[in-house]
Amino acid sequence: MKHLTALFSLLAGIFLCAQAQHSHQHQREMAFPDIPGYLTLKCDFHIHTVFSDGSVWPDIRIQEALKDGLDAVSMTEHLEYQPHAE
């Protein structure tokens, strides 16, 4: 139980440090109007990384999404590993 508590504390600390490190200032934010009675979410549901045919690591994709002010992303990798050809 002590190990589980220590692991949880470590992960929580890493998460909090990572959150504090990112200011989440939107440098490339896209503006979309809200429809009355609805909330507009900005999402990108088709992102590839180096684990498929993309050219950057997942953490870079997340940083890009934060810069763009996105509310949600989905990394959509291919089943077969086919790295991006240069």
Protein backbone atom coordinates (compact mmCIF):
# COMPACT_ATOMS: atom_id res chain seq x y z
CA MET A 1 0.00 0.00 0.00
CA LYS A 2 2.92 2.34 0.76
CA HIS A 3 4.28 1.78 -2.75
CA LEU A 4 0.93 2.56 -4.31
CA THR A 5 0.61 5.77 -2.29
CA ALA A 6 4.16 6.80 -3.21
CA LEU A 7 3.52 6.08 -6.88
CA PHE A 8 0.29 8.07 -6.84
CA SER A 9 2.03 10.99 -5.12
CA LEU A 10 4.85 10.92 -7.66
CA LEU A 11 2.46 10.87 -10.61
CA ALA A 12 0.35 13.66 -9.12
CA GLY A 13 3.50 15.75 -8.60
CA ILE A 14 4.63 15.20 -12.17
CA PHE A 15 1.18 16.12 -13.46
CA LEU A 16 1.05 19.31 -11.38
CA CYS A 17 4.54 20.34 -12.47
CA ALA A 18 3.66 19.74 -16.10
CA GLN A 19 0.50 21.81 -15.74
CA ALA A 20 2.39 24.66 -14.09
CA GLN A 21 5.03 24.60 -16.82
CA HIS A 22 2.48 25.20 -19.58
CA SER A 23 0.89 28.61 -19.56
CA HIS A 24 -1.77 27.49 -22.07
CA GLN A 25 -1.53 30.85 -23.75
CA HIS A 26 -3.11 30.44 -27.12
CA GLN A 27 -0.72 31.83 -29.68
CA ARG A 28 -2.69 30.62 -32.70
CA GLU A 29 -6.20 30.46 -31.29
CA MET A 30 -9.03 30.08 -33.77
CA ALA A 31 -12.26 31.93 -33.01
CA PHE A 32 -15.62 30.25 -33.55
CA PRO A 33 -18.93 31.72 -32.41
CA ASP A 34 -21.10 29.94 -29.87
CA ILE A 35 -24.63 29.14 -31.00
CA PRO A 36 -27.17 30.37 -28.44
CA GLY A 37 -27.87 27.53 -26.01
CA TYR A 38 -24.79 25.53 -27.11
CA LEU A 39 -21.08 25.57 -26.36
CA THR A 40 -18.74 25.34 -29.33
CA LEU A 41 -15.75 23.07 -28.71
CA LYS A 42 -12.67 23.32 -30.90
CA CYS A 43 -11.38 19.82 -31.63
CA ASP A 44 -9.08 17.96 -33.99
CA PHE A 45 -10.04 14.31 -34.31
CA HIS A 46 -7.47 13.29 -36.91
CA ILE A 47 -3.85 13.66 -35.80
CA HIS A 48 -0.92 11.40 -36.74
CA THR A 49 2.41 11.08 -34.93
CA VAL A 50 5.72 9.30 -35.56
CA PHE A 51 3.98 6.08 -34.55
CA SER A 52 2.14 6.14 -37.86
CA ASP A 53 2.80 8.37 -40.87
CA GLY A 54 3.20 11.64 -38.95
CA SER A 55 6.46 13.47 -38.45
CA VAL A 56 6.38 14.54 -34.77
CA TRP A 57 6.01 12.93 -31.34
CA PRO A 58 2.66 12.93 -29.49
CA ASP A 59 3.80 15.52 -26.94
CA ILE A 60 4.51 17.96 -29.77
CA ARG A 61 0.99 17.40 -31.13
CA ILE A 62 -0.41 18.23 -27.67
CA GLN A 63 1.69 21.40 -27.51
CA GLU A 64 0.36 22.39 -30.94
CA ALA A 65 -3.21 21.78 -29.77
CA LEU A 66 -2.63 23.96 -26.71
CA LYS A 67 -1.23 26.74 -28.90
CA ASP A 68 -4.29 26.48 -31.14
CA GLY A 69 -6.63 26.65 -28.15
CA LEU A 70 -8.21 23.27 -28.89
CA ASP A 71 -10.52 21.69 -26.34
CA ALA A 72 -9.92 18.07 -27.41
CA VAL A 73 -7.74 16.01 -29.76
CA SER A 74 -7.68 12.42 -30.92
CA MET A 75 -4.53 10.75 -32.18
CA THR A 76 -5.53 8.45 -35.01
CA GLU A 77 -2.68 6.14 -35.89
CA HIS A 78 -2.73 3.49 -38.59
CA LEU A 79 -2.73 -0.18 -37.62
CA GLU A 80 0.45 -0.86 -39.56
CA TYR A 81 3.60 1.04 -38.67
CA GLN A 82 4.45 3.06 -41.75
CA PRO A 83 6.80 5.85 -40.76
CA HIS A 84 6.70 9.09 -42.69
CA ALA A 85 9.02 8.89 -45.69
CA GLU A 86 11.31 11.87 -46.16
